[in-house]
Protein backbone atom coordinates (compact mmCIF):
# COMPACT_ATOMS: atom_id res chain seq x y z
CA UNK A 1 45.21 86.39 81.38
CA UNK A 2 44.48 84.44 77.95
CA UNK A 3 45.91 85.67 75.05
CA UNK A 4 45.35 84.68 71.45
CA UNK A 5 48.37 85.65 69.09
CA UNK A 6 48.07 85.81 65.48
CA UNK A 7 50.85 85.91 62.70
CA UNK A 8 52.64 84.19 60.02
CA UNK A 9 53.35 81.06 62.07
CA UNK A 10 54.04 77.48 61.52
CA UNK A 11 55.06 78.07 57.99
CA UNK A 12 59.08 77.64 59.25
CA UNK A 13 59.98 80.89 58.34
CA UNK A 14 62.89 81.56 60.81
CA UNK A 15 61.90 85.22 61.59
CA UNK A 16 58.86 85.06 61.99
CA UNK A 17 59.46 82.26 64.60
CA UNK A 18 61.93 84.44 66.23
CA UNK A 19 59.28 86.86 66.67
CA UNK A 20 56.98 84.46 68.34
CA UNK A 21 59.62 83.19 70.61
CA UNK A 22 60.44 86.79 71.76
CA UNK A 23 56.50 87.68 71.70
CA UNK A 24 55.83 85.03 74.16
CA UNK A 25 58.88 85.48 76.56
CA UNK A 26 57.91 89.35 76.46
CA UNK A 27 54.30 88.25 77.63
CA UNK A 28 55.43 85.78 80.09
CA UNK A 29 58.25 87.65 81.45
CA UNK A 30 55.16 90.08 82.39
CA UNK A 31 52.48 87.65 83.61
CA UNK A 32 54.18 84.74 84.41
CA UNK A 33 50.32 82.81 84.85
CA UNK A 34 49.64 83.66 81.30
CA UNK A 35 47.96 81.13 78.78
CA UNK A 36 48.91 81.72 75.46
CA UNK A 37 47.44 80.48 72.28
CA UNK A 38 48.96 80.75 68.65
CA UNK A 39 47.25 80.33 65.46
CA UNK A 40 49.18 78.52 63.74
CA UNK A 41 49.96 76.60 59.96
CA UNK A 42 51.11 73.53 62.29
CA UNK A 43 50.17 73.58 65.38
CA UNK A 44 51.44 70.47 66.75
CA UNK A 45 55.06 71.92 65.74
CA UNK A 46 54.47 75.03 67.07
CA UNK A 47 52.76 73.41 70.24
CA UNK A 48 56.08 71.79 71.10
CA UNK A 49 59.02 73.91 69.89
CA UNK A 50 57.34 77.04 72.11
CA UNK A 51 55.66 75.41 74.73
CA UNK A 52 52.29 76.91 74.02
CA UNK A 53 48.60 75.84 72.66
CA UNK A 54 48.24 76.17 69.29
CA UNK A 55 45.55 75.90 66.86
CA UNK A 56 45.28 75.65 63.18
CA UNK A 57 45.18 79.61 61.44
CA UNK A 58 41.74 78.24 59.37
CA UNK A 59 40.14 76.50 61.99
CA UNK A 60 37.04 78.62 62.41
CA UNK A 61 35.43 76.81 65.10
CA UNK A 62 38.40 76.50 67.39
CA UNK A 63 39.45 80.03 66.64
CA UNK A 64 36.08 81.40 67.41
CA UNK A 65 35.86 79.18 70.73
CA UNK A 66 39.05 80.26 71.79
CA UNK A 67 38.79 84.22 71.28
CA UNK A 68 35.52 83.74 72.75
CA UNK A 69 37.52 82.80 76.09
CA UNK A 70 40.60 85.16 75.94
CA UNK A 71 41.25 88.68 77.56
CA UNK A 72 43.40 89.88 74.54
CA UNK A 73 44.26 89.02 71.00
CA UNK A 74 47.90 90.18 69.74
CA UNK A 75 48.56 90.43 65.87
CA UNK A 76 52.25 90.13 66.28
CA UNK A 77 55.19 91.08 64.29
CA UNK A 78 56.56 90.93 60.69
CA UNK A 79 54.67 92.26 57.83
CA UNK A 80 51.51 90.76 57.59
CA UNK A 81 49.53 93.82 56.34
CA UNK A 82 50.78 94.07 52.50
CA UNK A 83 49.00 93.03 49.30
CA UNK A 84 52.18 93.20 47.18
CA UNK A 85 52.23 89.36 47.39
CA UNK A 86 48.62 88.83 46.98
CA UNK A 87 45.25 90.67 48.17
CA UNK A 88 44.08 88.09 50.62
CA UNK A 89 46.63 88.38 53.34
CA UNK A 90 45.43 92.01 54.82
CA UNK A 91 41.71 90.15 54.54
CA UNK A 92 42.58 87.20 56.66
CA UNK A 93 44.44 89.00 59.12
CA UNK A 94 42.21 92.11 59.27
CA UNK A 95 38.70 89.70 59.50
CA UNK A 96 40.63 87.93 62.43
CA UNK A 97 41.34 90.87 64.26
CA UNK A 98 37.92 92.25 63.99
CA UNK A 99 36.46 88.72 65.37
CA UNK A 100 38.41 89.42 68.42
CA UNK A 101 37.33 92.72 68.74
CA UNK A 102 33.78 91.81 68.21
CA UNK A 103 33.84 89.28 70.78
CA UNK A 104 35.01 91.39 73.35
CA UNK A 105 38.80 91.10 73.35
CA UNK A 106 41.40 94.17 73.83
CA UNK A 107 43.24 94.15 70.79
CA UNK A 108 46.83 95.04 69.75
CA UNK A 109 48.71 95.07 66.85
CA UNK A 110 52.40 95.06 68.20
CA UNK A 111 55.39 95.54 66.24
CA UNK A 112 54.73 95.30 62.69
CA UNK A 113 55.44 96.81 59.34
CA UNK A 114 52.50 98.17 57.37
CA UNK A 115 52.31 97.98 53.82
CA UNK A 116 52.41 98.55 50.68
CA UNK A 117 48.79 97.98 50.66
CA UNK A 118 47.67 99.30 47.53
CA UNK A 119 44.15 97.80 46.85
CA UNK A 120 41.69 100.17 47.70
CA UNK A 121 39.18 97.76 49.57
CA UNK A 122 42.23 96.55 51.44
CA UNK A 123 42.85 100.17 52.18
CA UNK A 124 39.31 100.89 53.16
CA UNK A 125 39.37 98.03 55.22
CA UNK A 126 42.61 98.58 57.12
CA UNK A 127 41.37 101.82 58.01
CA UNK A 128 38.20 100.93 59.24
CA UNK A 129 39.41 97.73 61.54
CA UNK A 130 42.94 99.33 62.57
CA UNK A 131 41.12 102.38 64.28
CA UNK A 132 38.62 99.78 66.43
CA UNK A 133 42.64 98.57 68.03
CA UNK A 134 43.51 99.41 71.65
CA UNK A 135 46.99 100.22 70.88
CA UNK A 136 49.26 99.98 67.70
CA UNK A 137 53.26 99.96 67.72
CA UNK A 138 55.30 99.73 64.01
CA UNK A 139 58.67 98.90 63.86
CA UNK A 140 59.60 101.55 61.33
CA UNK A 141 58.72 105.04 60.53
CA UNK A 142 57.60 104.80 56.98
CA UNK A 143 54.64 102.15 58.61
CA UNK A 144 54.21 104.83 60.95
CA UNK A 145 53.44 107.41 58.03
CA UNK A 146 51.43 105.22 56.12
CA UNK A 147 48.86 104.39 58.29
CA UNK A 148 48.75 107.78 59.19
CA UNK A 149 48.10 108.74 55.98
CA UNK A 150 45.51 106.04 55.49
CA UNK A 151 43.86 108.03 58.66
CA UNK A 152 44.24 105.45 61.82
CA UNK A 153 43.84 108.24 64.62
CA UNK A 154 41.53 106.54 67.10
CA UNK A 155 44.22 104.19 68.78
CA UNK A 156 47.27 104.94 70.53
CA UNK A 157 49.97 104.68 67.24
CA UNK A 158 53.49 104.36 68.42
CA UNK A 159 57.16 103.91 66.86
CA UNK A 160 58.95 101.02 68.40
CA UNK A 161 61.20 98.36 66.64
CA UNK A 162 60.98 94.77 65.38
CA UNK A 163 60.33 92.18 68.01
CA UNK A 164 63.04 90.17 67.21
CA UNK A 165 65.45 92.72 68.04
CA UNK A 166 64.86 90.90 71.44
CA UNK A 167 65.59 87.61 70.34
CA UNK A 168 68.23 85.77 72.56
CA UNK A 169 70.57 83.18 71.47
CA UNK A 170 70.83 80.35 73.63
CA UNK A 171 73.90 78.98 75.60
CA UNK A 172 76.72 77.23 73.84
CA UNK A 173 75.38 73.93 72.22
CA UNK A 174 77.21 71.33 69.81
CA UNK A 175 77.51 73.87 67.01
CA UNK A 176 80.76 72.47 65.85
CA UNK A 177 79.32 69.14 65.30
CA UNK A 178 76.29 70.13 63.83
CA UNK A 179 78.31 72.12 61.15
CA UNK A 180 80.63 69.39 60.44
CA UNK A 181 77.60 67.30 59.61
CA UNK A 182 76.81 70.02 56.76
CA UNK A 183 79.99 69.60 55.69
CA UNK A 184 81.60 72.84 56.84
CA UNK A 185 83.54 74.24 59.79
CA UNK A 186 83.23 77.71 61.36
CA UNK A 187 86.93 77.20 62.64
CA UNK A 188 89.84 78.04 60.64
CA UNK A 189 89.02 80.44 57.39
CA UNK A 190 86.79 83.19 58.03
CA UNK A 191 83.28 83.23 56.87
CA UNK A 192 81.16 85.27 54.96
CA UNK A 193 77.30 84.09 55.75
CA UNK A 194 74.64 84.91 53.03
CA UNK A 195 70.57 85.26 53.07
CA UNK A 196 69.06 85.81 50.39
CA UNK A 197 65.28 84.90 48.76
CA UNK A 198 63.18 85.20 46.11
CA UNK A 199 62.78 88.41 44.91
CA UNK A 200 59.48 90.29 44.61
CA UNK A 201 60.13 91.31 40.84
CA UNK A 202 62.11 89.39 38.64
CA UNK A 203 65.29 91.23 38.13
CA UNK A 204 67.12 90.21 35.03
CA UNK A 205 70.75 89.00 35.88
CA UNK A 206 70.37 88.95 39.58
CA UNK A 207 71.66 85.65 40.24
CA UNK A 208 74.43 86.10 38.14
CA UNK A 209 75.70 89.06 39.43
CA UNK A 210 75.14 88.03 42.98
CA UNK A 211 77.29 84.81 42.38
CA UNK A 212 80.34 86.67 40.79
CA UNK A 213 80.25 88.84 44.14
CA UNK A 214 80.65 85.50 46.39
CA UNK A 215 82.70 84.48 43.79
CA UNK A 216 85.05 87.49 44.92
CA UNK A 217 84.51 87.45 48.53
CA UNK A 218 86.08 83.90 48.17
CA UNK A 219 88.63 84.67 46.34
CA UNK A 220 89.80 88.36 47.43
CA UNK A 221 89.14 87.84 51.26
CA UNK A 222 89.72 84.10 51.74
CA UNK A 223 86.04 83.22 53.23
CA UNK A 224 84.24 80.12 53.03
CA UNK A 225 80.45 81.37 52.04
CA UNK A 226 77.94 79.90 53.59
CA UNK A 227 74.56 80.19 52.41
CA UNK A 228 71.48 80.25 55.45
CA UNK A 229 67.80 79.91 54.05
CA UNK A 230 65.79 81.76 56.40
CA UNK A 231 62.66 80.11 54.74
CA UNK A 232 63.45 76.73 54.10
CA UNK A 233 61.77 75.83 50.48
CA UNK A 234 61.81 79.14 48.59
CA UNK A 235 65.20 80.48 49.99
CA UNK A 236 66.73 76.93 49.46
CA UNK A 237 66.08 77.06 45.79
CA UNK A 238 67.26 80.59 45.14
CA UNK A 239 70.51 79.87 47.37
CA UNK A 240 70.46 76.49 44.99
CA UNK A 241 70.32 78.67 41.76
CA UNK A 242 73.35 80.98 43.29
CA UNK A 243 75.59 77.86 44.25
CA UNK A 244 75.41 76.48 40.30
CA UNK A 245 76.46 79.63 38.78
CA UNK A 246 79.46 80.36 41.45
CA UNK A 247 83.28 78.87 40.06
CA UNK A 248 84.24 78.87 43.75
CA UNK A 249 83.50 76.24 46.70
CA UNK A 250 80.38 77.30 48.51
CA UNK A 251 77.97 75.74 50.77
CA UNK A 252 74.05 75.60 51.58
CA UNK A 253 72.84 75.11 54.93
CA UNK A 254 70.57 72.21 54.19
CA UNK A 255 69.17 71.60 57.92
CA UNK A 256 66.10 72.38 59.11
CA UNK A 257 67.16 74.19 62.01
CA UNK A 258 65.37 76.39 64.65
CA UNK A 259 65.69 80.23 64.98
CA UNK A 260 68.29 79.62 67.97
CA UNK A 261 70.33 77.90 65.96
CA UNK A 262 70.64 79.96 63.03
CA UNK A 263 71.25 82.75 65.43
CA UNK A 264 74.21 81.00 67.27
CA UNK A 265 75.66 80.11 63.82
CA UNK A 266 75.69 83.88 62.45
CA UNK A 267 76.71 85.23 65.60
CA UNK A 268 80.04 82.58 64.53
CA UNK A 269 80.21 84.23 61.05
CA UNK A 270 83.06 87.14 60.25
CA UNK A 271 80.64 89.23 58.02
CA UNK A 272 77.29 88.67 56.78
CA UNK A 273 75.29 89.68 53.62
CA UNK A 274 71.88 89.70 54.04
CA UNK A 275 68.96 89.84 51.73
CA UNK A 276 66.05 88.76 54.23
CA UNK A 277 65.12 91.32 56.79
CA UNK A 278 65.41 88.95 59.76
CA UNK A 279 68.52 87.80 58.38
CA UNK A 280 69.85 91.27 58.84
CA UNK A 281 68.36 91.92 62.15
CA UNK A 282 69.93 88.13 63.31
CA UNK A 283 73.31 89.60 62.11
CA UNK A 284 72.81 92.81 64.15
CA UNK A 285 71.95 91.77 67.18
CA UNK A 286 75.35 89.09 66.74
CA UNK A 287 77.04 92.08 66.45
CA UNK A 288 78.45 90.59 62.95
CA UNK A 289 79.66 93.02 60.21
CA UNK A 290 76.82 93.21 57.94
CA UNK A 291 75.59 94.66 54.32
CA UNK A 292 72.12 94.58 52.71
CA UNK A 293 70.73 93.66 49.64
CA UNK A 294 67.24 95.76 49.62
CA UNK A 295 64.36 94.17 47.96
CA UNK A 296 61.90 95.85 49.84
CA UNK A 297 61.61 99.41 51.35
CA UNK A 298 61.16 97.91 54.80
CA UNK A 299 65.31 96.29 54.15
CA UNK A 300 66.32 99.74 53.26
CA UNK A 301 64.55 101.43 56.33
CA UNK A 302 66.15 98.48 58.85
CA UNK A 303 69.81 99.19 57.36
CA UNK A 304 68.82 102.95 57.65
CA UNK A 305 68.44 102.36 60.95
CA UNK A 306 71.23 100.24 61.25
CA UNK A 307 73.71 102.35 59.53
CA UNK A 308 74.62 99.56 57.36
CA UNK A 309 75.90 99.52 53.80
CA UNK A 310 72.89 98.89 51.34
CA UNK A 311 72.98 97.48 47.98
CA UNK A 312 69.87 97.75 45.56
CA UNK A 313 68.81 95.00 43.45
CA UNK A 314 70.16 96.47 40.05
CA UNK A 315 74.34 96.57 42.20
CA UNK A 316 76.99 95.81 40.33
CA UNK A 317 79.69 93.39 41.30
CA UNK A 318 82.14 96.45 41.55
CA UNK A 319 80.03 98.31 43.96
CA UNK A 320 79.62 95.35 46.11
CA UNK A 321 82.78 94.36 46.39
CA UNK A 322 84.07 98.06 46.98
CA UNK A 323 81.34 97.93 49.99
CA UNK A 324 82.33 94.53 51.40
CA UNK A 325 85.92 95.85 51.31
CA UNK A 326 85.43 98.62 53.48
CA UNK A 327 83.17 96.64 55.90
CA UNK A 328 86.07 93.79 56.55
CA UNK A 329 88.58 96.59 56.82
CA UNK A 330 86.60 98.69 59.42
CA UNK A 331 85.67 94.83 61.36
CA UNK A 332 86.70 95.85 65.19
CA UNK A 333 84.92 99.48 64.15
CA UNK A 334 81.76 98.02 62.79
CA UNK A 335 81.21 95.24 65.86
CA UNK A 336 81.21 98.16 68.02
CA UNK A 337 78.84 100.61 66.00
CA UNK A 338 76.63 97.75 65.86
CA UNK A 339 76.48 97.45 69.87
CA UNK A 340 75.85 101.36 69.74
CA UNK A 341 73.25 100.96 67.05
CA UNK A 342 71.27 97.97 68.62
CA UNK A 343 70.91 98.93 72.29
CA UNK A 344 68.32 101.39 71.31
CA UNK A 345 66.59 99.36 68.69
CA UNK A 346 66.21 96.94 71.63
CA UNK A 347 64.72 99.25 73.69
CA UNK A 348 62.39 100.28 71.50
CA UNK A 349 61.52 96.38 70.98
CA UNK A 350 60.41 96.83 74.58
CA UNK A 351 58.07 99.40 73.87
CA UNK A 352 55.97 96.80 72.30
CA UNK A 353 55.38 95.58 75.69
CA UNK A 354 54.74 98.40 77.73
CA UNK A 355 52.29 99.72 75.29
CA UNK A 356 50.41 96.47 75.48
CA UNK A 357 50.47 96.69 79.64
CA UNK A 358 49.37 100.29 79.39
CA UNK A 359 46.53 99.78 76.65
CA UNK A 360 45.99 96.44 75.63
CA UNK A 361 46.24 94.20 78.68
CA UNK A 362 42.79 94.09 80.41
CA UNK A 363 42.75 96.25 83.38
CA UNK A 364 43.65 95.70 86.91
CA UNK A 365 40.66 97.31 87.78
CA UNK A 366 36.97 97.88 85.98
CA UNK A 367 34.14 100.01 86.66
CA UNK A 368 31.00 98.31 86.31
CA UNK A 369 27.74 100.35 86.27
CA UNK A 370 29.89 102.38 89.34
CA UNK A 371 30.79 99.52 91.08
CA UNK A 372 34.71 98.64 91.35
CA UNK A 373 35.82 95.04 90.08
CA UNK A 374 39.71 93.75 90.58
CA UNK A 375 40.49 91.80 87.60
CA UNK A 376 42.61 89.11 89.08
CA UNK A 377 43.20 85.31 88.49
CA UNK A 378 42.05 83.09 91.40
CA UNK A 379 45.53 82.35 92.12
CA UNK A 380 46.42 85.81 92.45
CA UNK A 381 43.47 86.69 94.38
CA UNK A 382 44.79 83.70 97.15
CA UNK A 383 48.09 85.73 96.95
CA UNK A 384 46.40 89.21 97.98
CA UNK A 385 44.33 87.43 100.99
CA UNK A 386 47.80 85.78 101.90
CA UNK A 387 49.48 88.92 102.19
CA UNK A 388 46.86 90.58 103.58
CA UNK A 389 46.94 87.85 106.51
CA UNK A 390 50.49 89.14 106.79
CA UNK A 391 50.03 92.28 107.17
CA UNK A 392 47.67 92.16 110.04
CA UNK A 393 45.29 95.11 109.24
CA UNK A 394 41.99 94.61 108.91
CA UNK A 395 40.74 93.83 105.08
CA UNK A 396 37.61 93.48 103.39
CA UNK A 397 36.33 91.43 100.24
CA UNK A 398 33.59 91.50 98.25
CA UNK A 399 32.41 89.55 95.67
CA UNK A 400 29.39 91.20 93.60
CA UNK A 401 27.34 89.40 91.36
CA UNK A 402 24.80 91.03 88.46
CA UNK A 403 22.78 90.85 91.46
CA UNK A 404 24.32 93.03 93.62
CA UNK A 405 25.49 95.54 91.24
CA UNK A 406 21.78 96.03 90.07
CA UNK A 407 21.10 96.82 93.97
CA UNK A 408 23.82 99.03 94.37
CA UNK A 409 22.39 101.27 91.69
CA UNK A 410 19.97 102.58 94.09
CA UNK A 411 21.36 101.48 97.45
CA UNK A 412 24.13 104.11 97.50
CA UNK A 413 25.57 102.73 101.27
CA UNK A 414 25.88 99.43 99.69
CA UNK A 415 27.70 100.80 96.55
CA UNK A 416 29.86 102.91 98.60
CA UNK A 417 30.67 99.92 101.10
CA UNK A 418 31.83 97.47 98.04
CA UNK A 419 33.49 100.35 96.49
CA UNK A 420 35.96 100.99 99.81
CA UNK A 421 36.94 96.87 99.76
CA UNK A 422 40.45 95.78 99.39
CA UNK A 423 39.29 93.28 97.06
CA UNK A 424 36.09 92.94 94.58
CA UNK A 425 36.03 89.71 92.51
CA UNK A 426 33.84 89.21 89.87
CA UNK A 427 31.15 86.50 90.99
CA UNK A 428 28.94 85.39 88.35
CA UNK A 429 28.95 84.72 84.70
CA UNK A 430 27.02 87.95 84.12
CA UNK A 431 29.49 90.08 85.08
CA UNK A 432 32.32 87.99 83.19
CA UNK A 433 29.84 88.52 80.01
CA UNK A 434 29.12 92.18 80.68
CA UNK A 435 32.98 93.03 80.92
CA UNK A 436 33.84 91.51 77.81
CA UNK A 437 30.60 93.18 75.54
CA UNK A 438 31.83 96.37 77.04
CA UNK A 439 35.30 96.16 76.08
CA UNK A 440 37.09 95.67 79.17
CA UNK A 441 37.22 92.35 80.05
CA UNK A 442 37.91 90.42 82.98
CA UNK A 443 40.45 88.09 82.88
CA UNK A 444 38.05 85.49 84.85
CA UNK A 445 35.08 84.72 87.03
CA UNK A 446 36.15 84.26 90.64
CA UNK A 447 33.21 82.94 92.36
CA UNK A 448 32.79 83.56 96.05
CA UNK A 449 32.80 79.62 97.06
CA UNK A 450 36.03 78.78 94.52
CA UNK A 451 37.86 81.45 96.36
CA UNK A 452 36.83 80.53 99.65
CA UNK A 453 37.79 77.09 99.18
CA UNK A 454 40.81 78.11 98.06
CA UNK A 455 41.56 80.14 100.80
CA UNK A 456 41.10 77.51 102.95
CA UNK A 457 43.25 75.08 101.21
CA UNK A 458 45.94 77.91 101.76
CA UNK A 459 44.83 78.46 105.23
CA UNK A 460 45.25 74.71 105.85
CA UNK A 461 48.68 74.75 104.40
CA UNK A 462 49.80 77.76 106.72
CA UNK A 463 47.87 77.31 109.80
CA UNK A 464 45.40 80.45 109.54
CA UNK A 465 42.69 80.82 111.94
CA UNK A 466 39.05 80.53 110.38
CA UNK A 467 36.05 82.16 111.53
CA UNK A 468 32.59 81.29 109.75
CA UNK A 469 30.01 83.33 110.96
CA UNK A 470 26.05 82.59 108.74
CA UNK A 471 23.47 80.14 107.41
CA UNK A 472 20.76 78.63 109.68
CA UNK A 473 21.36 77.29 113.13
CA UNK A 474 24.34 74.23 113.31
CA UNK A 475 25.49 74.89 109.57
CA UNK A 476 28.46 76.76 110.46
CA UNK A 477 29.60 73.96 112.72
CA UNK A 478 28.75 71.57 109.86
CA UNK A 479 30.89 73.19 107.70
CA UNK A 480 33.79 73.64 110.33
CA UNK A 481 33.29 69.73 110.95
CA UNK A 482 33.67 68.79 107.41
CA UNK A 483 36.86 70.60 106.68
CA UNK A 484 39.43 68.10 108.76
CA UNK A 485 42.96 70.10 109.46
CA UNK A 486 41.78 73.29 108.93
CA UNK A 487 41.94 75.69 112.05
CA UNK A 488 38.38 76.88 112.86
CA UNK A 489 38.46 78.88 116.00
CA UNK A 490 34.68 79.47 115.53
CA UNK A 491 31.47 79.50 114.40
CA UNK A 492 28.25 80.95 114.40
CA UNK A 493 24.72 81.39 112.75
CA UNK A 494 23.29 84.03 110.90
CA UNK A 495 20.15 84.63 112.27
CA UNK A 496 21.24 86.80 115.22
CA UNK A 497 18.53 89.52 116.41
CA UNK A 498 20.25 93.29 116.55
CA UNK A 499 20.72 92.81 120.24
CA UNK A 500 22.70 89.37 119.66
CA UNK A 501 24.72 91.37 118.19
CA UNK A 502 27.37 92.28 120.68
CA UNK A 503 27.55 89.01 121.71
CA UNK A 504 28.50 87.79 118.58
CA UNK A 505 31.23 90.36 117.86
CA UNK A 506 32.24 90.11 120.93
CA UNK A 507 32.83 85.90 120.03
CA UNK A 508 34.62 86.76 117.32
CA UNK A 509 37.01 89.12 118.70
CA UNK A 510 37.90 86.55 121.50
CA UNK A 511 38.60 84.17 119.12
CA UNK A 512 41.07 86.01 117.28
CA UNK A 513 40.73 84.68 113.31
CA UNK A 514 43.16 85.63 111.02
CA UNK A 515 40.11 85.42 108.18
CA UNK A 516 36.49 85.97 109.09
CA UNK A 517 33.69 84.31 106.58
CA UNK A 518 30.83 85.93 106.64
CA UNK A 519 27.68 84.51 104.88
CA UNK A 520 24.53 86.52 105.70
CA UNK A 521 22.91 86.78 102.22
CA UNK A 522 23.21 89.80 99.78
CA UNK A 523 22.90 92.64 100.88
CA UNK A 524 23.01 92.15 104.19
CA UNK A 525 26.23 90.59 104.41
CA UNK A 526 28.14 93.67 102.90
CA UNK A 527 26.51 96.11 104.81
CA UNK A 528 27.44 93.90 108.17
CA UNK A 529 30.61 93.35 107.58
CA UNK A 530 31.36 96.81 105.87
CA UNK A 531 29.96 98.30 108.61
CA UNK A 532 32.12 96.11 111.33
CA UNK A 533 35.03 94.95 110.20
CA UNK A 534 37.63 97.29 110.69
CA UNK A 535 36.26 96.90 114.77
CA UNK A 536 36.92 93.63 114.77
CA UNK A 537 40.47 93.82 113.71
CA UNK A 538 40.57 90.55 111.73
CA UNK A 539 42.99 90.70 109.02
CA UNK A 540 40.78 89.21 106.20
CA UNK A 541 36.60 89.63 106.23
CA UNK A 542 35.41 87.87 103.11
CA UNK A 543 31.42 87.83 102.28
CA UNK A 544 30.48 84.50 101.16
CA UNK A 545 26.73 84.29 100.50
CA UNK A 546 25.28 80.86 100.56
CA UNK A 547 29.14 78.98 100.55
CA UNK A 548 28.48 77.54 104.11
CA UNK A 549 25.32 75.49 103.15
CA UNK A 550 27.31 73.95 100.53
CA UNK A 551 30.42 72.99 102.73
CA UNK A 552 28.11 71.65 105.26
CA UNK A 553 26.34 69.16 102.45
CA UNK A 554 23.09 70.92 103.23
CA UNK A 555 23.24 72.33 99.61
CA UNK A 556 24.98 70.74 96.31
CA UNK A 557 26.50 73.04 94.07
CA UNK A 558 25.50 72.97 90.06
CA UNK A 559 27.59 69.98 88.43
CA UNK A 560 30.62 70.87 86.75
CA UNK A 561 29.34 70.86 83.41
CA UNK A 562 26.20 73.20 84.46
CA UNK A 563 28.92 75.48 86.23
CA UNK A 564 31.40 75.57 82.78
CA UNK A 565 28.33 76.98 80.73
CA UNK A 566 27.86 79.46 82.96
CA UNK A 567 24.28 78.67 83.99
CA UNK A 568 24.16 77.88 87.40
CA UNK A 569 21.37 80.24 87.87
CA UNK A 570 19.14 78.33 85.64
CA UNK A 571 20.34 75.45 87.65
CA UNK A 572 19.34 76.80 90.94
CA UNK A 573 16.18 77.96 89.76
CA UNK A 574 15.14 74.74 88.53
CA UNK A 575 16.07 73.42 92.19
CA UNK A 576 14.11 76.43 93.79
CA UNK A 577 11.35 78.12 91.83
CA UNK A 578 11.00 80.81 94.43
CA UNK A 579 13.89 82.47 93.54
CA UNK A 580 11.96 83.42 90.36
CA UNK A 581 12.11 87.06 92.21
CA UNK A 582 15.64 87.40 92.31
CA UNK A 583 16.44 86.37 89.03
CA UNK A 584 14.62 88.52 87.50
CA UNK A 585 17.34 91.13 88.71
CA UNK A 586 19.33 89.18 86.09
CA UNK A 587 16.86 90.38 83.83
CA UNK A 588 17.63 94.08 84.68
CA UNK A 589 21.06 93.48 84.58
CA UNK A 590 21.56 92.14 81.20
CA UNK A 591 18.93 95.30 80.25
CA UNK A 592 21.64 97.63 81.45
CA UNK A 593 24.30 96.07 80.12
CA UNK A 594 22.34 95.93 76.63
CA UNK A 595 21.35 99.97 76.96
CA UNK A 596 25.31 100.75 77.54
CA UNK A 597 26.67 99.10 74.46
CA UNK A 598 23.72 100.53 72.52
CA UNK A 599 25.16 104.08 74.00
CA UNK A 600 28.65 102.95 73.52
CA UNK A 601 28.18 101.95 69.85
CA UNK A 602 26.27 105.20 69.19
CA UNK A 603 28.53 107.62 70.36
């Protein structure tokens, strides 16, 4: 599966980078084969640090290309949809989201806070675009209520928790050496961590009051004060303002550290005073006694959820000192309380992934014009074939393309046989395009010949017995001869008459293959295999069209570029103009898709 992730990534914001790492880990745990592309302000850094593909967040041609080839799109984590810092953030994120939807991706809005969105146009745009989502999860009740007030009713709307609650600190590192390089020590005196940011609205005397409070922390509790920026540029400037106003000695963390390192640093502290939303999350999941300074409703909501002490922006030094005294006095109880409070929030954060799997993850199976199609990668398909062989019971694999799907609209026997198959895989770029256009995108195209080649490679390694049935006289044997190391136990041409059928069946049974490839042309091969595969008792029977002609060397596949462009049908038509009647089925299929799309749009 290919997934595109959009968010505030690549800007050096510790909280958002922690969200991204949690998102990547959660997706990979669910699907180890997943291919992730992140829209980032610094693609090179994101790619190197998170081990995923990354492209520029404003590189429209690359974004368009990535979305066109993707199965799902996630607008993930943080407080992306708000216009308190400017009107364009909402427009940017919603535009990318809607483009993904237009291009056929399953779209999820995961683990975010929503609002404030005050502009009339932004509110209209939010309601319109978010109602096209496949699922929405929000991190707090305020966001949930605001979305409901805005009229977002169509997608499942679920209350989860911030994805950073799933962020985990790594094993022990050279932390002491790193901190010594900053002129600080985590050993000896107690450490009080502080994270501040630029207030959204200026508050008179804020920096002076905070400096006086931190002086009291240092003097009254014999604490080392360490200021920890969560966004290097802005937070560093604010921290320096406070440091210059303090009378006692304090330190500012100046290195540009990844979230994993900051989480480990915070976990070694004795108490924490946080203004940044995710600094509070880091302290909470590290079970460090904490209090927060609320500059925004989202911080108040988080502190309320944690049951932790809160200061507003107009706090007095006396009030702050009183709350900190209580916090330090109840230190051991506070640690236990945070353990208890964060456990359910972690469970809620996992809901982001279960919701994505249930509602926005590409379906494991789709129905396209009444034809079942399994949504698998070619590697997953080969694994299933391997399990079929080991099971030993008869299994049937079909590879419906637009021509077969069109024929099955009138041929009910063909439809029944395909839908009864143990595995139905999309053979044809038209099937893939139709699935995306109709809002149920398939992970990838799995052509009959590509799957056959992958199965033959697996069979060679495991010694599975293979039988070829199909094509003109001599072709199946020629194909066999060109596959050294593959245990081909039998071959027979496909031009047998009805009175010769018993002889063919007996030959297959006598050969006792593990895998039978049937290439009799559609729909004859589907009808024949569907009728006889159980009687034959072969663990895997797969229909393959004209693949034996290619394996034997009598026919050539389209060049790789033509295959990648998805116009093999045009190449074959140019090579064999007599195929024009068959290609008309593609036009019929395209018309079916257009009608269904129009109907879905109108309804």
